[in-house]
Amino acid sequence: MVTRWRWCGVVVELVAVVTWRRRLDAWCNVVEEMAVVVGWWSQR
């Protein structure tokens, strides 16, 4: 029982970390795209 619960905790933590990293990467992509658009507008 203990090992099964411990494994469940590890899996939940891994899923949380992966989803958080994905969300962080998505935000970074949005910020990069906005920076590119702002730079393009400022050059016009």
Protein backbone atom coordinates (compact mmCIF):
# COMPACT_ATOMS: atom_id res chain seq x y z
CA MET A 1 0.00 0.00 0.00
CA VAL A 2 2.70 2.46 1.02
CA THR A 3 4.74 1.92 -2.13
CA ARG A 4 1.65 2.22 -4.32
CA TRP A 5 0.67 5.55 -2.69
CA ARG A 6 4.28 6.73 -2.97
CA TRP A 7 4.30 5.86 -6.68
CA CYS A 8 0.99 7.69 -7.14
CA GLY A 9 2.52 10.76 -5.47
CA VAL A 10 5.57 10.58 -7.75
CA VAL A 11 3.39 10.29 -10.87
CA VAL A 12 1.20 13.21 -9.76
CA GLU A 13 4.29 15.34 -9.11
CA LEU A 14 5.76 14.44 -12.52
CA VAL A 15 2.49 15.33 -14.28
CA ALA A 16 2.29 18.63 -12.39
CA VAL A 17 5.90 19.50 -13.28
CA VAL A 18 5.38 18.62 -16.95
CA THR A 19 2.17 20.64 -17.24
CA TRP A 20 3.78 23.58 -15.41
CA ARG A 21 6.82 23.45 -17.69
CA ARG A 22 4.54 23.30 -20.75
CA ARG A 23 2.59 26.30 -19.49
CA LEU A 24 5.83 28.17 -18.80
CA ASP A 25 7.14 27.33 -22.30
CA ALA A 26 3.87 28.53 -23.83
CA TRP A 27 4.13 31.82 -21.93
CA CYS A 28 7.76 32.21 -23.06
CA ASN A 29 6.69 31.62 -26.66
CA VAL A 30 3.96 34.26 -26.37
CA VAL A 31 6.39 36.78 -24.86
CA GLU A 32 8.94 36.07 -27.60
CA GLU A 33 6.33 36.52 -30.34
CA MET A 34 5.12 39.77 -28.78
CA ALA A 35 8.72 41.00 -28.56
CA VAL A 36 9.22 40.21 -32.25
CA VAL A 37 6.00 42.03 -33.19
CA VAL A 38 6.94 45.06 -31.08
CA GLY A 39 10.42 45.15 -32.63
CA TRP A 40 8.92 44.89 -36.11
CA TRP A 41 6.47 47.73 -35.38
CA SER A 42 9.21 49.93 -33.89
CA GLN A 43 11.34 49.43 -37.03
CA ARG A 44 8.50 50.56 -39.35
